[in-house]
Amino acid sequence: MLKSMTGYGRYEEIAGGKKIMVEIKSVNHRYADYSIKVPRYYGFLEDRLRSLMAERVTRGKIDVFVTVESCDESDRDIVLNEGLTRDYIAALHELRDRFVLKDDISVMGVARYPEIFKTERRDEDEEEIWRLVKGTAKCALDAFCDMREREGERIERDLRGRIEYMKTLADRVDELSPKTVEAYKQRLYAKIKELLEDRDIDETRILTEVAIFADKVAVNEETVRLSSHFEEFYAILDSGLPAGRKLDFLIQEINRETNTIGSKAQDVEIAKIVVTLKGEIEKLREQIQNIE
């Protein structure tokens, strides 16, 4: 089954006292390019998420966004800034002594100065955090891959339909090619007969000329190779493996054979078929750029 390189998946849940969200989106890219953004304190997740993505996504520009928020303040400690507190109390004592003020320094009075308290993040278990994020990431990745597969199915149907149409066009070229030689033979006979009037016609010379012409315009080898390329196209589609690069190469070969047929074409109808084939090739090429 083909997979599109364009996809989107998002999943959010509350687990282990944390609200976790993972969002994944991708667009076309020649190779696999991962951009993973995680919260400041969870940088250790980046490499693990990249490995998780690489197990199921082999091509595209993939952006992963992760948020991890505590549902309460259990991951923080309130810490006394002892140095600043000591300075505040010393300054209050000096104020009392210098201006002979009432000594009413108390805990609540000092606590009015918010700078004496600070919050610090409590160390968290990295493995536990990864376990929680991994579960959410897998759900987002499932949704992401499902979307890529659905789009891939639509692309595959389109590709198969175009290849079938191109096969009929190639078969038509095969039918017309011998008729082109016969038509040339008849035109050559008529022209020579007109020039020689009642004199004898050199059959051997005519047959030689026809043989030379037939060799120049013969496209049997090209149509046989086209047929082989079409079968290989189907084999790649049926393989179930990432197919974008292989199909991109194969479409170049199909284009090469089509160009050769066009350069040999001595028939208006064959020339029209070649133009149609090239149009289909461009449509195939556009679709293949979307495939993983």
C-alpha atoms as a PDB file:
ATOM      1  CA  MET A   1       0.000   0.000   0.000  1.00  0.00           C
ATOM      2  CA  LEU A   2       1.306   3.410  -0.931  1.00  0.00           C
ATOM      3  CA  LYS A   3       1.625   6.146   1.668  1.00  0.00           C
ATOM      4  CA  SER A   4       1.395   9.840   0.989  1.00  0.00           C
ATOM      5  CA  MET A   5       4.097  12.085   2.405  1.00  0.00           C
ATOM      6  CA  THR A   6       1.400  14.538   3.513  1.00  0.00           C
ATOM      7  CA  GLY A   7      -0.262  13.780   6.829  1.00  0.00           C
ATOM      8  CA  TYR A   8      -1.475  15.091  10.167  1.00  0.00           C
ATOM      9  CA  GLY A   9      -2.087  13.487  13.528  1.00  0.00           C
ATOM     10  CA  ARG A  10      -2.776  14.862  17.008  1.00  0.00           C
ATOM     11  CA  TYR A  11      -3.503  13.272  20.358  1.00  0.00           C
ATOM     12  CA  GLU A  12      -3.938  14.742  23.832  1.00  0.00           C
ATOM     13  CA  GLU A  13      -4.459  13.034  27.175  1.00  0.00           C
ATOM     14  CA  ILE A  14      -3.998  13.413  30.912  1.00  0.00           C
ATOM     15  CA  ALA A  15      -1.789  10.745  32.450  1.00  0.00           C
ATOM     16  CA  GLY A  16       0.385  10.548  35.530  1.00  0.00           C
ATOM     17  CA  GLY A  17      -0.768  13.964  36.700  1.00  0.00           C
ATOM     18  CA  LYS A  18       0.307  15.605  33.444  1.00  0.00           C
ATOM     19  CA  LYS A  19      -1.484  16.967  30.413  1.00  0.00           C
ATOM     20  CA  ILE A  20       0.400  15.715  27.359  1.00  0.00           C
ATOM     21  CA  MET A  21      -0.168  16.710  23.744  1.00  0.00           C
ATOM     22  CA  VAL A  22       1.646  15.395  20.657  1.00  0.00           C
ATOM     23  CA  GLU A  23       1.025  16.843  17.191  1.00  0.00           C
ATOM     24  CA  ILE A  24       2.615  15.464  14.011  1.00  0.00           C
ATOM     25  CA  LYS A  25       2.421  16.904  10.512  1.00  0.00           C
ATOM     26  CA  SER A  26       4.414  16.352   7.331  1.00  0.00           C
ATOM     27  CA  VAL A  27       4.876  17.604   3.783  1.00  0.00           C
ATOM     28  CA  ASN A  28       6.840  16.375   0.791  1.00  0.00           C
ATOM     29  CA  HIS A  29      10.597  16.089   1.026  1.00  0.00           C
ATOM     30  CA  ARG A  30      13.245  14.210  -0.877  1.00  0.00           C
ATOM     31  CA  TYR A  31      14.528  12.503   2.267  1.00  0.00           C
ATOM     32  CA  ALA A  32      13.421  12.018   5.882  1.00  0.00           C
ATOM     33  CA  ASP A  33      13.794  15.313   7.743  1.00  0.00           C
ATOM     34  CA  TYR A  34      12.579  15.368  11.355  1.00  0.00           C
ATOM     35  CA  SER A  35      11.998  18.569  13.331  1.00  0.00           C
ATOM     36  CA  ILE A  36      11.031  17.800  16.943  1.00  0.00           C
ATOM     37  CA  LYS A  37      10.095  20.509  19.426  1.00  0.00           C
ATOM     38  CA  VAL A  38       9.759  19.543  23.095  1.00  0.00           C
ATOM     39  CA  PRO A  39       9.413  21.623  26.292  1.00  0.00           C
ATOM     40  CA  ARG A  40      12.561  23.198  27.685  1.00  0.00           C
ATOM     41  CA  TYR A  41      13.033  20.718  30.523  1.00  0.00           C
ATOM     42  CA  TYR A  42      12.371  17.634  28.423  1.00  0.00           C
ATOM     43  CA  GLY A  43      15.147  17.734  25.842  1.00  0.00           C
ATOM     44  CA  PHE A  44      15.907  14.077  26.538  1.00  0.00           C
ATOM     45  CA  LEU A  45      12.682  13.199  24.677  1.00  0.00           C
ATOM     46  CA  GLU A  46      13.904  14.459  21.311  1.00  0.00           C
ATOM     47  CA  ASP A  47      16.110  11.545  20.258  1.00  0.00           C
ATOM     48  CA  ARG A  48      13.623   8.994  21.544  1.00  0.00           C
ATOM     49  CA  LEU A  49      10.788  10.579  19.594  1.00  0.00           C
ATOM     50  CA  ARG A  50      12.928  10.695  16.466  1.00  0.00           C
ATOM     51  CA  SER A  51      13.599   6.958  16.745  1.00  0.00           C
ATOM     52  CA  LEU A  52       9.904   6.287  17.327  1.00  0.00           C
ATOM     53  CA  MET A  53       8.946   8.253  14.206  1.00  0.00           C
ATOM     54  CA  ALA A  54      11.634   6.591  12.072  1.00  0.00           C
ATOM     55  CA  GLU A  55      10.111   3.161  12.767  1.00  0.00           C
ATOM     56  CA  ARG A  56       7.058   4.072  10.694  1.00  0.00           C
ATOM     57  CA  VAL A  57       7.949   7.147   8.622  1.00  0.00           C
ATOM     58  CA  THR A  58      10.788   6.895   6.109  1.00  0.00           C
ATOM     59  CA  ARG A  59      10.352   9.979   3.937  1.00  0.00           C
ATOM     60  CA  GLY A  60       9.007  13.523   4.190  1.00  0.00           C
ATOM     61  CA  LYS A  61       9.544  16.666   6.239  1.00  0.00           C
ATOM     62  CA  ILE A  62       8.059  15.694   9.564  1.00  0.00           C
ATOM     63  CA  ASP A  63       7.329  18.248  12.303  1.00  0.00           C
ATOM     64  CA  VAL A  64       6.592  16.967  15.811  1.00  0.00           C
ATOM     65  CA  PHE A  65       5.327  19.261  18.580  1.00  0.00           C
ATOM     66  CA  VAL A  66       5.112  18.089  22.199  1.00  0.00           C
ATOM     67  CA  THR A  67       3.723  19.846  25.258  1.00  0.00           C
ATOM     68  CA  VAL A  68       3.883  18.484  28.815  1.00  0.00           C
ATOM     69  CA  GLU A  69       2.081  20.424  31.551  1.00  0.00           C
ATOM     70  CA  SER A  70       1.532  19.514  35.196  1.00  0.00           C
ATOM     71  CA  CYS A  71      -2.065  19.366  36.290  1.00  0.00           C
ATOM     72  CA  ASP A  72      -0.937  20.715  39.695  1.00  0.00           C
ATOM     73  CA  GLU A  73       2.270  22.106  41.207  1.00  0.00           C
ATOM     74  CA  SER A  74       3.514  18.748  42.474  1.00  0.00           C
ATOM     75  CA  ASP A  75       6.598  18.994  40.285  1.00  0.00           C
ATOM     76  CA  ARG A  76       7.834  22.160  42.031  1.00  0.00           C
ATOM     77  CA  ASP A  77       9.324  22.950  45.442  1.00  0.00           C
ATOM     78  CA  ILE A  78       9.242  26.284  47.257  1.00  0.00           C
ATOM     79  CA  VAL A  79      12.751  27.070  48.471  1.00  0.00           C
ATOM     80  CA  LEU A  80      13.850  29.784  50.898  1.00  0.00           C
ATOM     81  CA  ASN A  81      16.433  32.161  49.526  1.00  0.00           C
ATOM     82  CA  GLU A  82      18.487  32.181  52.714  1.00  0.00           C
ATOM     83  CA  GLY A  83      21.043  34.770  51.651  1.00  0.00           C
ATOM     84  CA  LEU A  84      18.442  37.327  50.628  1.00  0.00           C
ATOM     85  CA  THR A  85      16.338  36.607  53.740  1.00  0.00           C
ATOM     86  CA  ARG A  86      19.336  37.179  55.996  1.00  0.00           C
ATOM     87  CA  ASP A  87      20.026  40.488  54.252  1.00  0.00           C
ATOM     88  CA  TYR A  88      16.398  41.610  54.671  1.00  0.00           C
ATOM     89  CA  ILE A  89      16.415  40.820  58.399  1.00  0.00           C
ATOM     90  CA  ALA A  90      19.765  42.556  58.902  1.00  0.00           C
ATOM     91  CA  ALA A  91      18.437  45.628  57.105  1.00  0.00           C
ATOM     92  CA  LEU A  92      15.313  45.605  59.309  1.00  0.00           C
ATOM     93  CA  HIS A  93      17.433  45.378  62.445  1.00  0.00           C
ATOM     94  CA  GLU A  94      19.531  48.314  61.282  1.00  0.00           C
ATOM     95  CA  LEU A  95      16.364  50.275  60.550  1.00  0.00           C
ATOM     96  CA  ARG A  96      15.073  49.506  64.071  1.00  0.00           C
ATOM     97  CA  ASP A  97      18.319  50.476  65.810  1.00  0.00           C
ATOM     98  CA  ARG A  98      19.074  53.611  63.816  1.00  0.00           C
ATOM     99  CA  PHE A  99      15.631  55.133  64.188  1.00  0.00           C
ATOM    100  CA  VAL A 100      14.731  53.600  67.546  1.00  0.00           C
ATOM    101  CA  LEU A 101      11.677  51.861  66.229  1.00  0.00           C
ATOM    102  CA  LYS A 102       9.492  49.279  67.854  1.00  0.00           C
ATOM    103  CA  ASP A 103      10.878  45.801  67.401  1.00  0.00           C
ATOM    104  CA  ASP A 104       7.984  44.066  65.679  1.00  0.00           C
ATOM    105  CA  ILE A 105       9.973  42.009  63.174  1.00  0.00           C
ATOM    106  CA  SER A 106       8.039  38.765  62.642  1.00  0.00           C
ATOM    107  CA  VAL A 107       7.842  35.824  60.270  1.00  0.00           C
ATOM    108  CA  MET A 108       4.757  37.206  58.575  1.00  0.00           C
ATOM    109  CA  GLY A 109       6.347  40.591  58.246  1.00  0.00           C
ATOM    110  CA  VAL A 110       9.444  39.221  56.564  1.00  0.00           C
ATOM    111  CA  ALA A 111       7.348  36.863  54.405  1.00  0.00           C
ATOM    112  CA  ARG A 112       5.767  39.895  52.779  1.00  0.00           C
ATOM    113  CA  TYR A 113       8.859  40.174  50.611  1.00  0.00           C
ATOM    114  CA  PRO A 114       8.203  37.620  47.778  1.00  0.00           C
ATOM    115  CA  GLU A 115      11.811  37.645  46.631  1.00  0.00           C
ATOM    116  CA  ILE A 116      12.852  35.576  49.633  1.00  0.00           C
ATOM    117  CA  PHE A 117      11.017  32.568  48.206  1.00  0.00           C
ATOM    118  CA  LYS A 118      11.766  30.867  44.931  1.00  0.00           C
ATOM    119  CA  THR A 119      10.335  27.834  43.158  1.00  0.00           C
ATOM    120  CA  GLU A 120      12.491  25.076  41.782  1.00  0.00           C
ATOM    121  CA  ARG A 121      11.520  22.217  39.534  1.00  0.00           C
ATOM    122  CA  ARG A 122      11.686  18.891  41.257  1.00  0.00           C
ATOM    123  CA  ASP A 123      13.800  16.266  39.533  1.00  0.00           C
ATOM    124  CA  GLU A 124      11.570  13.904  37.550  1.00  0.00           C
ATOM    125  CA  ASP A 125      12.052  10.307  36.502  1.00  0.00           C
ATOM    126  CA  GLU A 126      13.026  10.495  32.809  1.00  0.00           C
ATOM    127  CA  GLU A 127      11.895   6.939  32.120  1.00  0.00           C
ATOM    128  CA  GLU A 128       8.482   7.618  33.622  1.00  0.00           C
ATOM    129  CA  ILE A 129       8.097  10.823  31.606  1.00  0.00           C
ATOM    130  CA  TRP A 130       9.120   8.965  28.429  1.00  0.00           C
ATOM    131  CA  ARG A 131       6.609   6.210  29.185  1.00  0.00           C
ATOM    132  CA  LEU A 132       3.808   8.769  29.420  1.00  0.00           C
ATOM    133  CA  VAL A 133       4.854  10.753  26.341  1.00  0.00           C
ATOM    134  CA  LYS A 134       5.497   7.611  24.296  1.00  0.00           C
ATOM    135  CA  GLY A 135       1.929   6.411  24.850  1.00  0.00           C
ATOM    136  CA  THR A 136       0.521   9.739  23.655  1.00  0.00           C
ATOM    137  CA  ALA A 137       2.979   9.910  20.737  1.00  0.00           C
ATOM    138  CA  LYS A 138       1.983   6.444  19.528  1.00  0.00           C
ATOM    139  CA  CYS A 139      -1.684   7.454  19.417  1.00  0.00           C
ATOM    140  CA  ALA A 140      -0.802  10.622  17.461  1.00  0.00           C
ATOM    141  CA  LEU A 141       1.426   8.568  15.164  1.00  0.00           C
ATOM    142  CA  ASP A 142      -1.405   6.105  14.493  1.00  0.00           C
ATOM    143  CA  ALA A 143      -3.697   8.948  13.426  1.00  0.00           C
ATOM    144  CA  PHE A 144      -0.903  10.470  11.340  1.00  0.00           C
ATOM    145  CA  CYS A 145      -0.123   7.206   9.520  1.00  0.00           C
ATOM    146  CA  ASP A 146      -3.815   6.470   8.952  1.00  0.00           C
ATOM    147  CA  MET A 147      -4.199   9.783   7.136  1.00  0.00           C
ATOM    148  CA  ARG A 148      -1.091   9.115   5.021  1.00  0.00           C
ATOM    149  CA  GLU A 149      -2.402   5.672   4.098  1.00  0.00           C
ATOM    150  CA  ARG A 150      -5.837   6.992   3.116  1.00  0.00           C
ATOM    151  CA  GLU A 151      -4.249   9.614   0.876  1.00  0.00           C
ATOM    152  CA  GLY A 152      -1.876   6.950  -0.450  1.00  0.00           C
ATOM    153  CA  GLU A 153      -4.834   4.776  -1.476  1.00  0.00           C
ATOM    154  CA  ARG A 154      -6.306   7.641  -3.491  1.00  0.00           C
ATOM    155  CA  ILE A 155      -2.964   8.271  -5.202  1.00  0.00           C
ATOM    156  CA  GLU A 156      -2.520   4.574  -5.965  1.00  0.00           C
ATOM    157  CA  ARG A 157      -5.939   4.330  -7.618  1.00  0.00           C
ATOM    158  CA  ASP A 158      -5.056   7.305  -9.782  1.00  0.00           C
ATOM    159  CA  LEU A 159      -1.658   5.848 -10.734  1.00  0.00           C
ATOM    160  CA  ARG A 160      -3.098   2.459 -11.664  1.00  0.00           C
ATOM    161  CA  GLY A 161      -5.764   4.074 -13.803  1.00  0.00           C
ATOM    162  CA  ARG A 162      -3.209   6.160 -15.685  1.00  0.00           C
ATOM    163  CA  ILE A 163      -0.897   3.208 -16.280  1.00  0.00           C
ATOM    164  CA  GLU A 164      -3.808   1.190 -17.683  1.00  0.00           C
ATOM    165  CA  TYR A 165      -4.618   4.054 -20.027  1.00  0.00           C
ATOM    166  CA  MET A 166      -0.987   4.361 -21.084  1.00  0.00           C
ATOM    167  CA  LYS A 167      -0.882   0.627 -21.842  1.00  0.00           C
ATOM    168  CA  THR A 168      -3.767   1.048 -24.284  1.00  0.00           C
ATOM    169  CA  LEU A 169      -1.927   3.939 -25.929  1.00  0.00           C
ATOM    170  CA  ALA A 170       1.259   1.870 -26.283  1.00  0.00           C
ATOM    171  CA  ASP A 171      -0.779  -0.998 -27.761  1.00  0.00           C
ATOM    172  CA  ARG A 172      -2.263   1.419 -30.274  1.00  0.00           C
ATOM    173  CA  VAL A 173       1.246   2.510 -31.314  1.00  0.00           C
ATOM    174  CA  ASP A 174       2.091  -1.169 -31.859  1.00  0.00           C
ATOM    175  CA  GLU A 175      -0.926  -1.511 -34.146  1.00  0.00           C
ATOM    176  CA  LEU A 176      -0.195   1.622 -36.139  1.00  0.00           C
ATOM    177  CA  SER A 177       3.548   1.109 -36.622  1.00  0.00           C
ATOM    178  CA  PRO A 178       3.335  -1.659 -39.306  1.00  0.00           C
ATOM    179  CA  LYS A 179       0.606   0.282 -41.109  1.00  0.00           C
ATOM    180  CA  THR A 180       2.962   3.241 -41.303  1.00  0.00           C
ATOM    181  CA  VAL A 181       5.497   1.133 -43.199  1.00  0.00           C
ATOM    182  CA  GLU A 182       2.846  -0.235 -45.552  1.00  0.00           C
ATOM    183  CA  ALA A 183       1.502   3.250 -46.220  1.00  0.00           C
ATOM    184  CA  TYR A 184       5.036   4.434 -46.994  1.00  0.00           C
ATOM    185  CA  LYS A 185       5.458   1.518 -49.416  1.00  0.00           C
ATOM    186  CA  GLN A 186       2.266   2.392 -51.268  1.00  0.00           C
ATOM    187  CA  ARG A 187       3.218   6.075 -51.473  1.00  0.00           C
ATOM    188  CA  LEU A 188       6.667   5.112 -52.799  1.00  0.00           C
ATOM    189  CA  TYR A 189       5.137   2.857 -55.467  1.00  0.00           C
ATOM    190  CA  ALA A 190       2.737   5.568 -56.545  1.00  0.00           C
ATOM    191  CA  LYS A 191       5.473   8.216 -56.729  1.00  0.00           C
ATOM    192  CA  ILE A 192       7.872   6.026 -58.722  1.00  0.00           C
ATOM    193  CA  LYS A 193       5.100   4.893 -61.058  1.00  0.00           C
ATOM    194  CA  GLU A 194       4.218   8.517 -61.682  1.00  0.00           C
ATOM    195  CA  LEU A 195       7.831   9.365 -62.459  1.00  0.00           C
ATOM    196  CA  LEU A 196       8.581   6.310 -64.626  1.00  0.00           C
ATOM    197  CA  GLU A 197       5.183   6.258 -66.315  1.00  0.00           C
ATOM    198  CA  ASP A 198       5.067   2.943 -68.279  1.00  0.00           C
ATOM    199  CA  ARG A 199       8.620   1.808 -67.613  1.00  0.00           C
ATOM    200  CA  ASP A 200       9.353  -1.169 -65.367  1.00  0.00           C
ATOM    201  CA  ILE A 201       9.673  -0.547 -61.660  1.00  0.00           C
ATOM    202  CA  ASP A 202      12.705  -1.950 -59.834  1.00  0.00           C
ATOM    203  CA  GLU A 203      10.996  -4.002 -57.131  1.00  0.00           C
ATOM    204  CA  THR A 204      14.283  -4.762 -55.367  1.00  0.00           C
ATOM    205  CA  ARG A 205      15.115  -1.097 -55.012  1.00  0.00           C
ATOM    206  CA  ILE A 206      11.683  -0.334 -53.630  1.00  0.00           C
ATOM    207  CA  LEU A 207      11.883  -3.161 -51.112  1.00  0.00           C
ATOM    208  CA  THR A 208      15.313  -1.934 -50.022  1.00  0.00           C
ATOM    209  CA  GLU A 209      13.997   1.587 -49.504  1.00  0.00           C
ATOM    210  CA  VAL A 210      11.006   0.270 -47.576  1.00  0.00           C
ATOM    211  CA  ALA A 211      13.275  -1.873 -45.383  1.00  0.00           C
ATOM    212  CA  ILE A 212      15.453   1.132 -44.581  1.00  0.00           C
ATOM    213  CA  PHE A 213      12.397   3.198 -43.733  1.00  0.00           C
ATOM    214  CA  ALA A 214      10.935   0.390 -41.616  1.00  0.00           C
ATOM    215  CA  ASP A 215      14.146   0.169 -39.627  1.00  0.00           C
ATOM    216  CA  LYS A 216      14.149   3.917 -39.012  1.00  0.00           C
ATOM    217  CA  VAL A 217      10.556   4.070 -37.773  1.00  0.00           C
ATOM    218  CA  ALA A 218      10.342   0.715 -35.984  1.00  0.00           C
ATOM    219  CA  VAL A 219       9.292   1.216 -32.387  1.00  0.00           C
ATOM    220  CA  ASN A 220       8.792  -2.412 -31.389  1.00  0.00           C
ATOM    221  CA  GLU A 221      11.760  -2.372 -29.022  1.00  0.00           C
ATOM    222  CA  GLU A 222      10.502   0.766 -27.343  1.00  0.00           C
ATOM    223  CA  THR A 223       6.944  -0.534 -26.901  1.00  0.00           C
ATOM    224  CA  VAL A 224       8.268  -3.833 -25.503  1.00  0.00           C
ATOM    225  CA  ARG A 225      10.344  -1.914 -22.973  1.00  0.00           C
ATOM    226  CA  LEU A 226       7.360   0.276 -22.148  1.00  0.00           C
ATOM    227  CA  SER A 227       5.310  -2.834 -21.462  1.00  0.00           C
ATOM    228  CA  SER A 228       8.068  -4.111 -19.186  1.00  0.00           C
ATOM    229  CA  HIS A 229       8.186  -0.783 -17.337  1.00  0.00           C
ATOM    230  CA  PHE A 230       4.416  -0.854 -16.844  1.00  0.00           C
ATOM    231  CA  GLU A 231       4.618  -4.326 -15.293  1.00  0.00           C
ATOM    232  CA  GLU A 232       7.457  -3.198 -13.037  1.00  0.00           C
ATOM    233  CA  PHE A 233       5.320  -0.210 -12.032  1.00  0.00           C
ATOM    234  CA  TYR A 234       2.606  -2.598 -10.838  1.00  0.00           C
ATOM    235  CA  ALA A 235       5.151  -4.793  -9.049  1.00  0.00           C
ATOM    236  CA  ILE A 236       6.414  -1.801  -7.072  1.00  0.00           C
ATOM    237  CA  LEU A 237       2.862  -0.772  -6.171  1.00  0.00           C
ATOM    238  CA  ASP A 238       2.110  -4.308  -4.980  1.00  0.00           C
ATOM    239  CA  SER A 239       5.319  -4.699  -2.964  1.00  0.00           C
ATOM    240  CA  GLY A 240       3.997  -2.858   0.081  1.00  0.00           C
ATOM    241  CA  LEU A 241       7.370  -1.121   0.475  1.00  0.00           C
ATOM    242  CA  PRO A 242       8.180   2.609   0.264  1.00  0.00           C
ATOM    243  CA  ALA A 243       7.878   3.246  -3.470  1.00  0.00           C
ATOM    244  CA  GLY A 244       8.419   6.952  -4.159  1.00  0.00           C
ATOM    245  CA  ARG A 245      12.073   6.867  -5.205  1.00  0.00           C
ATOM    246  CA  LYS A 246      11.704   3.690  -7.271  1.00  0.00           C
ATOM    247  CA  LEU A 247       8.685   5.022  -9.126  1.00  0.00           C
ATOM    248  CA  ASP A 248      10.424   8.341  -9.702  1.00  0.00           C
ATOM    249  CA  PHE A 249      13.291   6.510 -11.429  1.00  0.00           C
ATOM    250  CA  LEU A 250      10.901   4.291 -13.392  1.00  0.00           C
ATOM    251  CA  ILE A 251       8.906   7.233 -14.715  1.00  0.00           C
ATOM    252  CA  GLN A 252      12.148   8.642 -16.137  1.00  0.00           C
ATOM    253  CA  GLU A 253      12.654   5.398 -18.073  1.00  0.00           C
ATOM    254  CA  ILE A 254       9.066   5.481 -19.347  1.00  0.00           C
ATOM    255  CA  ASN A 255       9.603   9.061 -20.462  1.00  0.00           C
ATOM    256  CA  ARG A 256      12.832   8.094 -22.265  1.00  0.00           C
ATOM    257  CA  GLU A 257      11.110   5.359 -24.291  1.00  0.00           C
ATOM    258  CA  THR A 258       8.219   7.676 -25.107  1.00  0.00           C
ATOM    259  CA  ASN A 259      10.615  10.347 -26.364  1.00  0.00           C
ATOM    260  CA  THR A 260      12.327   7.789 -28.606  1.00  0.00           C
ATOM    261  CA  ILE A 261       8.987   6.751 -30.098  1.00  0.00           C
ATOM    262  CA  GLY A 262       8.214  10.408 -30.711  1.00  0.00           C
ATOM    263  CA  SER A 263      11.516  10.987 -32.502  1.00  0.00           C
ATOM    264  CA  LYS A 264      10.814   8.026 -34.808  1.00  0.00           C
ATOM    265  CA  ALA A 265       7.171   8.807 -35.452  1.00  0.00           C
ATOM    266  CA  GLN A 266       6.352   9.308 -39.136  1.00  0.00           C
ATOM    267  CA  ASP A 267       2.624   9.104 -38.599  1.00  0.00           C
ATOM    268  CA  VAL A 268       0.313  11.872 -37.414  1.00  0.00           C
ATOM    269  CA  GLU A 269      -1.762   9.584 -35.224  1.00  0.00           C
ATOM    270  CA  ILE A 270       1.317   8.104 -33.526  1.00  0.00           C
ATOM    271  CA  ALA A 271       2.623  11.629 -32.937  1.00  0.00           C
ATOM    272  CA  LYS A 272      -0.682  12.523 -31.254  1.00  0.00           C
ATOM    273  CA  ILE A 273      -0.469   9.416 -29.071  1.00  0.00           C
ATOM    274  CA  VAL A 274       3.046  10.384 -28.008  1.00  0.00           C
ATOM    275  CA  VAL A 275       1.806  13.832 -26.960  1.00  0.00           C
ATOM    276  CA  THR A 276      -0.948  12.181 -24.896  1.00  0.00           C
ATOM    277  CA  LEU A 277       1.552   9.767 -23.340  1.00  0.00           C
ATOM    278  CA  LYS A 278       3.820  12.627 -22.308  1.00  0.00           C
ATOM    279  CA  GLY A 279       0.885  14.425 -20.729  1.00  0.00           C
ATOM    280  CA  GLU A 280       0.090  11.316 -18.678  1.00  0.00           C
ATOM    281  CA  ILE A 281       3.743  10.966 -17.691  1.00  0.00           C
ATOM    282  CA  GLU A 282       3.757  14.496 -16.269  1.00  0.00           C
ATOM    283  CA  LYS A 283       0.627  13.742 -14.260  1.00  0.00           C
ATOM    284  CA  LEU A 284       2.255  10.568 -12.959  1.00  0.00           C
ATOM    285  CA  ARG A 285       5.383  12.484 -12.052  1.00  0.00           C
ATOM    286  CA  GLU A 286       3.363  15.032 -10.055  1.00  0.00           C
ATOM    287  CA  GLN A 287       1.580  12.304  -8.112  1.00  0.00           C
ATOM    288  CA  ILE A 288       4.769  10.359  -7.432  1.00  0.00           C
ATOM    289  CA  GLN A 289       6.280  13.420  -5.750  1.00  0.00           C
ATOM    290  CA  ASN A 290       3.666  12.908  -3.006  1.00  0.00           C
ATOM    291  CA  ILE A 291       4.578   9.275  -2.284  1.00  0.00           C
ATOM    292  CA  GLU A 292       6.735   8.100   0.603  1.00  0.00           C
END
